[in-house]
């Protein structure tokens, strides 16, 4: 079984081209993949979930264009 790859908030920001603040705002609104608590002050994100979130955003963009 493959283990999930965790990425840091900074890596997540680079992958999504979003700022840390924007990611945290989306997290507060429950519109971003849930972070994994790694310690009292450390979190990570499952890389595959972040990529799936990005792919869904791209797919939604195409659906918006078709609806217009």
PDB file of N, CA and C in Angstrom:
ATOM      1  N   UNK A   1       0.839  -1.177   0.000  1.00  0.00           N
ATOM      2  CA  UNK A   1       0.000   0.000   0.000  1.00  0.00           C
ATOM      3  C   UNK A   1       0.889   1.248   0.000  1.00  0.00           C
ATOM      4  N   UNK A   2       0.542   2.189  -0.847  1.00  0.00           N
ATOM      5  CA  UNK A   2       1.291   3.446  -0.900  1.00  0.00           C
ATOM      6  C   UNK A   2       0.846   4.356   0.220  1.00  0.00           C
ATOM      7  N   UNK A   3       1.788   5.036   0.802  1.00  0.00           N
ATOM      8  CA  UNK A   3       1.480   5.992   1.855  1.00  0.00           C
ATOM      9  C   UNK A   3       1.189   7.352   1.234  1.00  0.00           C
ATOM     10  N   UNK A   4       0.246   8.091   1.809  1.00  0.00           N
ATOM     11  CA  UNK A   4      -0.041   9.423   1.269  1.00  0.00           C
ATOM     12  C   UNK A   4       1.157  10.338   1.468  1.00  0.00           C
ATOM     13  N   UNK A   5       1.348  11.225   0.524  1.00  0.00           N
ATOM     14  CA  UNK A   5       2.420  12.203   0.612  1.00  0.00           C
ATOM     15  C   UNK A   5       1.844  13.467   1.224  1.00  0.00           C
ATOM     16  N   UNK A   6       2.461  13.914   2.314  1.00  0.00           N
ATOM     17  CA  UNK A   6       2.033  15.141   2.959  1.00  0.00           C
ATOM     18  C   UNK A   6       2.930  16.286   2.516  1.00  0.00           C
ATOM     19  N   UNK A   7       2.311  17.454   2.338  1.00  0.00           N
ATOM     20  CA  UNK A   7       3.068  18.641   1.979  1.00  0.00           C
ATOM     21  C   UNK A   7       2.787  19.729   3.006  1.00  0.00           C
ATOM     22  N   UNK A   8       3.734  20.625   3.168  1.00  0.00           N
ATOM     23  CA  UNK A   8       3.592  21.721   4.121  1.00  0.00           C
ATOM     24  C   UNK A   8       2.683  22.802   3.551  1.00  0.00           C
ATOM     25  N   UNK A   9       2.316  23.740   4.397  1.00  0.00           N
ATOM     26  CA  UNK A   9       1.506  24.866   3.945  1.00  0.00           C
ATOM     27  C   UNK A   9       2.251  25.666   2.877  1.00  0.00           C
ATOM     28  N   UNK A  10       3.551  25.856   3.054  1.00  0.00           N
ATOM     29  CA  UNK A  10       4.336  26.585   2.041  1.00  0.00           C
ATOM     30  C   UNK A  10       4.361  25.829   0.716  1.00  0.00           C
ATOM     31  N   UNK A  11       4.532  24.523   0.759  1.00  0.00           N
ATOM     32  CA  UNK A  11       4.514  23.730  -0.469  1.00  0.00           C
ATOM     33  C   UNK A  11       3.143  23.777  -1.115  1.00  0.00           C
ATOM     34  N   UNK A  12       2.109  23.765  -0.289  1.00  0.00           N
ATOM     35  CA  UNK A  12       0.734  23.854  -0.784  1.00  0.00           C
ATOM     36  C   UNK A  12       0.519  25.196  -1.487  1.00  0.00           C
ATOM     37  N   UNK A  13       1.063  26.258  -0.899  1.00  0.00           N
ATOM     38  CA  UNK A  13       0.946  27.586  -1.504  1.00  0.00           C
ATOM     39  C   UNK A  13       1.646  27.619  -2.863  1.00  0.00           C
ATOM     40  N   UNK A  14       2.822  27.028  -2.951  1.00  0.00           N
ATOM     41  CA  UNK A  14       3.532  26.997  -4.242  1.00  0.00           C
ATOM     42  C   UNK A  14       2.774  26.169  -5.270  1.00  0.00           C
ATOM     43  N   UNK A  15       2.227  25.038  -4.847  1.00  0.00           N
ATOM     44  CA  UNK A  15       1.506  24.142  -5.753  1.00  0.00           C
ATOM     45  C   UNK A  15       0.246  24.792  -6.310  1.00  0.00           C
ATOM     46  N   UNK A  16      -0.453  25.566  -5.478  1.00  0.00           N
ATOM     47  CA  UNK A  16      -1.727  26.168  -5.881  1.00  0.00           C
ATOM     48  C   UNK A  16      -1.591  27.591  -6.405  1.00  0.00           C
ATOM     49  N   UNK A  17      -0.438  28.199  -6.204  1.00  0.00           N
ATOM     50  CA  UNK A  17      -0.213  29.617  -6.532  1.00  0.00           C
ATOM     51  C   UNK A  17      -1.083  30.537  -5.679  1.00  0.00           C
ATOM     52  N   UNK A  18      -1.484  30.058  -4.516  1.00  0.00           N
ATOM     53  CA  UNK A  18      -2.237  30.863  -3.564  1.00  0.00           C
ATOM     54  C   UNK A  18      -1.316  31.249  -2.409  1.00  0.00           C
ATOM     55  N   UNK A  19      -1.637  32.350  -1.755  1.00  0.00           N
ATOM     56  CA  UNK A  19      -0.880  32.739  -0.567  1.00  0.00           C
ATOM     57  C   UNK A  19      -1.318  31.884   0.616  1.00  0.00           C
ATOM     58  N   UNK A  20      -0.495  31.881   1.646  1.00  0.00           N
ATOM     59  CA  UNK A  20      -0.855  31.168   2.872  1.00  0.00           C
ATOM     60  C   UNK A  20      -2.160  31.730   3.436  1.00  0.00           C
ATOM     61  N   UNK A  21      -2.307  33.059   3.366  1.00  0.00           N
ATOM     62  CA  UNK A  21      -3.515  33.710   3.865  1.00  0.00           C
ATOM     63  C   UNK A  21      -4.742  33.251   3.094  1.00  0.00           C
ATOM     64  N   UNK A  22      -4.629  33.173   1.771  1.00  0.00           N
ATOM     65  CA  UNK A  22      -5.762  32.736   0.945  1.00  0.00           C
ATOM     66  C   UNK A  22      -6.131  31.289   1.259  1.00  0.00           C
ATOM     67  N   UNK A  23      -5.128  30.449   1.443  1.00  0.00           N
ATOM     68  CA  UNK A  23      -5.400  29.049   1.781  1.00  0.00           C
ATOM     69  C   UNK A  23      -6.108  28.966   3.131  1.00  0.00           C
ATOM     70  N   UNK A  24      -5.628  29.716   4.105  1.00  0.00           N
ATOM     71  CA  UNK A  24      -6.252  29.680   5.422  1.00  0.00           C
ATOM     72  C   UNK A  24      -7.669  30.237   5.395  1.00  0.00           C
ATOM     73  N   UNK A  25      -7.916  31.227   4.558  1.00  0.00           N
ATOM     74  CA  UNK A  25      -9.272  31.761   4.410  1.00  0.00           C
ATOM     75  C   UNK A  25     -10.193  30.689   3.826  1.00  0.00           C
ATOM     76  N   UNK A  26      -9.722  29.993   2.792  1.00  0.00           N
ATOM     77  CA  UNK A  26     -10.505  28.901   2.202  1.00  0.00           C
ATOM     78  C   UNK A  26     -10.738  27.780   3.210  1.00  0.00           C
ATOM     79  N   UNK A  27      -9.735  27.489   4.025  1.00  0.00           N
ATOM     80  CA  UNK A  27      -9.884  26.459   5.062  1.00  0.00           C
ATOM     81  C   UNK A  27     -10.944  26.869   6.068  1.00  0.00           C
ATOM     82  N   UNK A  28     -10.937  28.140   6.462  1.00  0.00           N
ATOM     83  CA  UNK A  28     -11.941  28.633   7.414  1.00  0.00           C
ATOM     84  C   UNK A  28     -13.358  28.512   6.853  1.00  0.00           C
ATOM     85  N   UNK A  29     -13.474  28.621   5.524  1.00  0.00           N
ATOM     86  CA  UNK A  29     -14.774  28.528   4.850  1.00  0.00           C
ATOM     87  C   UNK A  29     -15.101  27.085   4.445  1.00  0.00           C
ATOM     88  N   UNK A  30     -14.275  26.131   4.855  1.00  0.00           N
ATOM     89  CA  UNK A  30     -14.436  24.713   4.499  1.00  0.00           C
ATOM     90  C   UNK A  30     -14.470  24.508   2.992  1.00  0.00           C
ATOM     91  N   UNK A  31     -13.641  25.266   2.271  1.00  0.00           N
ATOM     92  CA  UNK A  31     -13.595  25.171   0.807  1.00  0.00           C
ATOM     93  C   UNK A  31     -12.227  24.707   0.316  1.00  0.00           C
ATOM     94  N   UNK A  32     -11.469  24.057   1.200  1.00  0.00           N
ATOM     95  CA  UNK A  32     -10.128  23.580   0.866  1.00  0.00           C
ATOM     96  C   UNK A  32      -9.931  22.246   1.589  1.00  0.00           C
ATOM     97  N   UNK A  33      -9.085  21.375   1.061  1.00  0.00           N
ATOM     98  CA  UNK A  33      -8.852  20.094   1.730  1.00  0.00           C
ATOM     99  C   UNK A  33      -8.463  20.287   3.203  1.00  0.00           C
ATOM    100  N   UNK A  34      -8.935  19.382   4.029  1.00  0.00           N
ATOM    101  CA  UNK A  34      -8.681  19.446   5.465  1.00  0.00           C
ATOM    102  C   UNK A  34      -7.223  19.103   5.749  1.00  0.00           C
ATOM    103  N   UNK A  35      -6.614  19.907   6.607  1.00  0.00           N
ATOM    104  CA  UNK A  35      -5.224  19.686   6.986  1.00  0.00           C
ATOM    105  C   UNK A  35      -5.123  18.514   7.961  1.00  0.00           C
ATOM    106  N   UNK A  36      -3.943  17.919   7.990  1.00  0.00           N
ATOM    107  CA  UNK A  36      -3.631  16.843   8.922  1.00  0.00           C
ATOM    108  C   UNK A  36      -2.796  17.457  10.040  1.00  0.00           C
ATOM    109  N   UNK A  37      -3.238  17.311  11.276  1.00  0.00           N
ATOM    110  CA  UNK A  37      -2.486  17.827  12.414  1.00  0.00           C
ATOM    111  C   UNK A  37      -1.276  16.925  12.648  1.00  0.00           C
ATOM    112  N   UNK A  38      -0.099  17.528  12.670  1.00  0.00           N
ATOM    113  CA  UNK A  38       1.138  16.770  12.862  1.00  0.00           C
ATOM    114  C   UNK A  38       1.770  17.066  14.219  1.00  0.00           C
ATOM    115  N   UNK A  39       1.237  18.019  14.898  1.00  0.00           N
ATOM    116  CA  UNK A  39       1.754  18.425  16.204  1.00  0.00           C
ATOM    117  C   UNK A  39       0.991  19.645  16.665  1.00  0.00           C
ATOM    118  N   UNK A  40       1.395  20.222  17.768  1.00  0.00           N
ATOM    119  CA  UNK A  40       0.648  21.351  18.316  1.00  0.00           C
ATOM    120  C   UNK A  40       0.679  22.572  17.406  1.00  0.00           C
ATOM    121  N   UNK A  41       1.742  22.722  16.620  1.00  0.00           N
ATOM    122  CA  UNK A  41       1.845  23.889  15.741  1.00  0.00           C
ATOM    123  C   UNK A  41       2.266  23.517  14.315  1.00  0.00           C
ATOM    124  N   UNK A  42       1.969  22.304  13.912  1.00  0.00           N
ATOM    125  CA  UNK A  42       2.398  21.827  12.594  1.00  0.00           C
ATOM    126  C   UNK A  42       1.253  21.120  11.898  1.00  0.00           C
ATOM    127  N   UNK A  43       1.022  21.477  10.636  1.00  0.00           N
ATOM    128  CA  UNK A  43       0.004  20.806   9.833  1.00  0.00           C
ATOM    129  C   UNK A  43       0.615  20.407   8.502  1.00  0.00           C
ATOM    130  N   UNK A  44      -0.040  19.492   7.848  1.00  0.00           N
ATOM    131  CA  UNK A  44       0.324  19.089   6.499  1.00  0.00           C
ATOM    132  C   UNK A  44      -0.954  18.857   5.708  1.00  0.00           C
ATOM    133  N   UNK A  45      -0.794  18.778   4.405  1.00  0.00           N
ATOM    134  CA  UNK A  45      -1.922  18.507   3.523  1.00  0.00           C
ATOM    135  C   UNK A  45      -1.594  17.280   2.700  1.00  0.00           C
ATOM    136  N   UNK A  46      -2.608  16.461   2.440  1.00  0.00           N
ATOM    137  CA  UNK A  46      -2.411  15.293   1.577  1.00  0.00           C
ATOM    138  C   UNK A  46      -2.289  15.826   0.145  1.00  0.00           C
ATOM    139  N   UNK A  47      -1.138  15.598  -0.459  1.00  0.00           N
ATOM    140  CA  UNK A  47      -0.852  16.156  -1.784  1.00  0.00           C
ATOM    141  C   UNK A  47      -1.919  15.771  -2.804  1.00  0.00           C
ATOM    142  N   UNK A  48      -2.350  14.522  -2.798  1.00  0.00           N
ATOM    143  CA  UNK A  48      -3.352  14.048  -3.765  1.00  0.00           C
ATOM    144  C   UNK A  48      -4.671  14.797  -3.599  1.00  0.00           C
ATOM    145  N   UNK A  49      -5.037  15.140  -2.356  1.00  0.00           N
ATOM    146  CA  UNK A  49      -6.273  15.882  -2.124  1.00  0.00           C
ATOM    147  C   UNK A  49      -6.171  17.308  -2.652  1.00  0.00           C
ATOM    148  N   UNK A  50      -5.011  17.916  -2.486  1.00  0.00           N
ATOM    149  CA  UNK A  50      -4.816  19.281  -3.006  1.00  0.00           C
ATOM    150  C   UNK A  50      -4.864  19.263  -4.531  1.00  0.00           C
ATOM    151  N   UNK A  51      -4.239  18.280  -5.136  1.00  0.00           N
ATOM    152  CA  UNK A  51      -4.271  18.167  -6.596  1.00  0.00           C
ATOM    153  C   UNK A  51      -5.697  17.919  -7.078  1.00  0.00           C
ATOM    154  N   UNK A  52      -6.455  17.077  -6.379  1.00  0.00           N
ATOM    155  CA  UNK A  52      -7.857  16.838  -6.749  1.00  0.00           C
ATOM    156  C   UNK A  52      -8.662  18.129  -6.630  1.00  0.00           C
ATOM    157  N   UNK A  53      -8.393  18.937  -5.612  1.00  0.00           N
ATOM    158  CA  UNK A  53      -9.069  20.223  -5.437  1.00  0.00           C
ATOM    159  C   UNK A  53      -8.762  21.134  -6.629  1.00  0.00           C
ATOM    160  N   UNK A  54      -7.479  21.169  -7.033  1.00  0.00           N
ATOM    161  CA  UNK A  54      -7.089  21.976  -8.198  1.00  0.00           C
ATOM    162  C   UNK A  54      -7.798  21.487  -9.460  1.00  0.00           C
ATOM    163  N   UNK A  55      -7.838  20.187  -9.661  1.00  0.00           N
ATOM    164  CA  UNK A  55      -8.490  19.630 -10.848  1.00  0.00           C
ATOM    165  C   UNK A  55      -9.977  19.965 -10.860  1.00  0.00           C
ATOM    166  N   UNK A  56     -10.607  19.953  -9.691  1.00  0.00           N
ATOM    167  CA  UNK A  56     -12.024  20.313  -9.610  1.00  0.00           C
ATOM    168  C   UNK A  56     -12.230  21.784  -9.967  1.00  0.00           C
ATOM    169  N   UNK A  57     -11.302  22.640  -9.545  1.00  0.00           N
ATOM    170  CA  UNK A  57     -11.393  24.068  -9.892  1.00  0.00           C
ATOM    171  C   UNK A  57     -11.262  24.251 -11.402  1.00  0.00           C
ATOM    172  N   UNK A  58     -10.359  23.515 -12.015  1.00  0.00           N
ATOM    173  CA  UNK A  58     -10.168  23.597 -13.468  1.00  0.00           C
ATOM    174  C   UNK A  58     -11.418  23.090 -14.180  1.00  0.00           C
ATOM    175  N   UNK A  59     -11.974  21.984 -13.715  1.00  0.00           N
ATOM    176  CA  UNK A  59     -13.189  21.433 -14.330  1.00  0.00           C
ATOM    177  C   UNK A  59     -14.361  22.402 -14.183  1.00  0.00           C
ATOM    178  N   UNK A  60     -14.467  23.049 -13.030  1.00  0.00           N
ATOM    179  CA  UNK A  60     -15.552  24.012 -12.807  1.00  0.00           C
ATOM    180  C   UNK A  60     -15.417  25.197 -13.754  1.00  0.00           C
ATOM    181  N   UNK A  61     -14.207  25.582 -14.050  1.00  0.00           N
ATOM    182  CA  UNK A  61     -13.975  26.674 -14.999  1.00  0.00           C
ATOM    183  C   UNK A  61     -14.548  26.317 -16.352  1.00  0.00           C
ATOM    184  N   UNK A  62     -14.344  25.084 -16.799  1.00  0.00           N
ATOM    185  CA  UNK A  62     -14.885  24.638 -18.079  1.00  0.00           C
ATOM    186  C   UNK A  62     -16.395  24.598 -18.065  1.00  0.00           C
ATOM    187  N   UNK A  63     -16.983  24.177 -16.946  1.00  0.00           N
ATOM    188  CA  UNK A  63     -18.434  24.105 -16.830  1.00  0.00           C
ATOM    189  C   UNK A  63     -19.047  25.502 -16.852  1.00  0.00           C
ATOM    190  N   UNK A  64     -18.366  26.467 -16.248  1.00  0.00           N
ATOM    191  CA  UNK A  64     -18.854  27.851 -16.238  1.00  0.00           C
ATOM    192  C   UNK A  64     -18.868  28.417 -17.652  1.00  0.00           C
ATOM    193  N   UNK A  65     -17.853  28.087 -18.434  1.00  0.00           N
ATOM    194  CA  UNK A  65     -17.778  28.585 -19.809  1.00  0.00           C
ATOM    195  C   UNK A  65     -18.920  28.005 -20.662  1.00  0.00           C
ATOM    196  N   UNK A  66     -19.205  26.709 -20.456  1.00  0.00           N
ATOM    197  CA  UNK A  66     -20.270  26.065 -21.236  1.00  0.00           C
ATOM    198  C   UNK A  66     -21.644  26.605 -20.876  1.00  0.00           C
ATOM    199  N   UNK A  67     -21.835  27.005 -19.631  1.00  0.00           N
ATOM    200  CA  UNK A  67     -23.124  27.516 -19.174  1.00  0.00           C
ATOM    201  C   UNK A  67     -23.383  28.924 -19.685  1.00  0.00           C
ATOM    202  N   UNK A  68     -22.319  29.635 -19.999  1.00  0.00           N
ATOM    203  CA  UNK A  68     -22.468  31.043 -20.438  1.00  0.00           C
ATOM    204  C   UNK A  68     -22.936  31.171 -21.867  1.00  0.00           C
TER     205      UNK A  68
END
